[in-house]
Amino acid sequence: MKKISNTLVLINLLTFFLLSAMLGACGSKKFQREIETPEIKINLVGNKATSMDPYLVGLVVTNKKSNKNVSLNLEVYANELDEKNPTFIKKGDQKYSITFEQTDHTNRELILSTTNDEVIVEEVL
């Protein structure tokens, strides 16, 4: 009888831990960041439905001189998006890089540049 009750306790504990882990995986995350330079304004909004999903990131890059913009959506496989990830650096005259570090330690880099009127977004492959 005692052996059966110990087994039931163990099964209940395992069930509790499995359910806790599954519910923890369901927590959604949100991310928003705005970056501004003299030439462009960048608005990033990301949503992650569960810890197993990628961030779905909406990116809007606006040319401040002409007010024209480019919008795109991308998937980023990262544990966290915050003030440190993605990184943003100036690459040259009117050219910037935004880089997302992903969970597998690969980078997803976008080159953002402007002409007099346009905005150009290119992904480094």
Protein backbone atom coordinates (compact mmCIF):
# COMPACT_ATOMS: atom_id res chain seq x y z
CA MET A 1 0.00 0.00 0.00
CA LYS A 2 2.82 2.41 0.91
CA LYS A 3 4.58 1.64 -2.38
CA ILE A 4 1.47 2.58 -4.37
CA SER A 5 1.01 5.91 -2.52
CA ASN A 6 4.69 6.80 -3.10
CA THR A 7 4.25 6.04 -6.79
CA LEU A 8 1.13 8.23 -6.94
CA VAL A 9 2.97 11.09 -5.23
CA LEU A 10 5.83 10.76 -7.72
CA ILE A 11 3.42 10.72 -10.68
CA ASN A 12 1.62 13.82 -9.32
CA LEU A 13 4.93 15.65 -8.87
CA LEU A 14 6.07 14.79 -12.40
CA THR A 15 2.72 15.92 -13.80
CA PHE A 16 2.97 19.20 -11.89
CA PHE A 17 6.49 19.90 -13.20
CA LEU A 18 5.55 19.02 -16.77
CA LEU A 19 2.48 21.29 -16.67
CA SER A 20 4.54 24.10 -15.13
CA ALA A 21 7.15 23.78 -17.88
CA MET A 22 4.47 23.78 -20.58
CA LEU A 23 2.74 26.83 -19.14
CA GLY A 24 6.09 28.62 -18.84
CA ALA A 25 6.66 28.01 -22.53
CA CYS A 26 3.40 29.76 -23.31
CA GLY A 27 4.36 33.19 -21.94
CA SER A 28 4.22 35.84 -24.62
CA LYS A 29 6.78 38.65 -24.95
CA LYS A 30 6.59 42.07 -26.51
CA PHE A 31 9.33 44.40 -27.70
CA GLN A 32 9.33 47.99 -28.91
CA ARG A 33 12.25 50.25 -29.75
CA GLU A 34 12.65 53.52 -31.59
CA ILE A 35 15.99 54.69 -33.03
CA GLU A 36 16.54 58.10 -34.54
CA THR A 37 19.47 59.56 -36.49
CA PRO A 38 19.72 62.83 -38.41
CA GLU A 39 18.70 60.96 -41.62
CA ILE A 40 16.29 58.22 -40.55
CA LYS A 41 13.82 57.16 -37.91
CA ILE A 42 13.45 53.44 -37.14
CA ASN A 43 10.49 51.91 -35.35
CA LEU A 44 10.73 48.26 -34.26
CA VAL A 45 7.82 46.33 -32.76
CA GLY A 46 8.15 42.64 -31.91
CA ASN A 47 5.83 40.01 -30.54
CA LYS A 48 6.67 36.48 -29.42
CA ALA A 49 3.63 34.28 -28.78
CA THR A 50 5.48 31.60 -26.78
CA SER A 51 9.07 30.90 -25.79
CA MET A 52 9.22 28.33 -28.59
CA ASP A 53 8.22 30.83 -31.30
CA PRO A 54 10.34 33.43 -33.09
CA TYR A 55 9.75 37.12 -32.60
CA LEU A 56 7.58 38.55 -35.36
CA VAL A 57 9.20 41.94 -35.88
CA GLY A 58 7.65 44.85 -37.73
CA LEU A 59 10.24 47.33 -38.97
CA VAL A 60 9.44 50.80 -40.31
CA VAL A 61 12.31 52.96 -41.59
CA THR A 62 11.45 56.58 -42.43
CA ASN A 63 13.56 59.04 -44.41
CA LYS A 64 13.32 62.18 -42.26
CA LYS A 65 13.99 64.51 -45.21
CA SER A 66 11.25 63.20 -47.53
CA ASN A 67 9.04 61.45 -44.94
CA LYS A 68 8.94 58.34 -47.19
CA ASN A 69 9.19 55.01 -45.44
CA VAL A 70 9.79 51.32 -45.97
CA SER A 71 7.99 48.68 -43.91
CA LEU A 72 8.81 45.03 -43.58
CA ASN A 73 8.06 42.10 -41.33
CA LEU A 74 10.63 39.51 -40.35
CA GLU A 75 11.05 36.55 -38.04
CA VAL A 76 13.87 36.70 -35.53
CA TYR A 77 14.74 33.57 -33.56
CA ALA A 78 15.99 35.20 -30.36
CA ASN A 79 15.37 34.55 -26.69
CA GLU A 80 15.15 38.27 -25.96
CA LEU A 81 14.88 41.51 -27.87
CA ASP A 82 15.78 44.56 -25.79
CA GLU A 83 18.11 47.58 -25.74
CA LYS A 84 21.15 45.31 -26.34
CA ASN A 85 19.65 43.12 -29.06
CA PRO A 86 19.41 44.29 -31.82
CA THR A 87 22.56 46.35 -32.11
CA PHE A 88 22.60 49.51 -34.22
CA ILE A 89 25.74 51.10 -35.68
CA LYS A 90 26.65 53.70 -38.27
CA LYS A 91 28.42 52.13 -41.29
CA GLY A 92 29.11 55.27 -43.33
CA ASP A 93 27.46 58.36 -44.78
CA GLN A 94 23.69 57.79 -44.58
CA LYS A 95 24.26 54.03 -44.04
CA TYR A 96 23.47 52.08 -40.86
CA SER A 97 23.43 48.47 -39.72
CA ILE A 98 20.89 46.83 -37.46
CA THR A 99 21.86 43.33 -36.32
CA PHE A 100 19.76 40.78 -34.45
CA GLU A 101 21.64 38.06 -32.55
CA GLN A 102 19.63 34.88 -32.76
CA THR A 103 19.38 31.96 -30.35
CA ASP A 104 21.80 29.83 -32.38
CA HIS A 105 24.39 32.67 -32.25
CA THR A 106 23.91 33.57 -35.92
CA ASN A 107 23.24 37.18 -36.84
CA ARG A 108 20.51 38.62 -38.98
CA GLU A 109 21.86 41.93 -40.33
CA LEU A 110 20.00 44.63 -42.23
CA ILE A 111 21.71 47.56 -43.95
CA LEU A 112 19.61 50.73 -43.89
CA SER A 113 20.51 53.64 -46.14
CA THR A 114 18.95 56.76 -47.59
CA THR A 115 19.21 58.77 -50.74
CA ASN A 116 17.70 62.24 -51.06
CA ASP A 117 14.16 60.87 -51.13
CA GLU A 118 14.25 57.10 -50.66
CA VAL A 119 14.97 54.54 -47.98
CA ILE A 120 16.78 51.32 -48.86
CA VAL A 121 16.73 48.20 -46.65
CA GLU A 122 18.97 45.28 -47.60
CA GLU A 123 19.54 42.03 -45.73
CA VAL A 124 23.10 40.72 -45.55
CA LEU A 125 23.05 37.07 -46.56
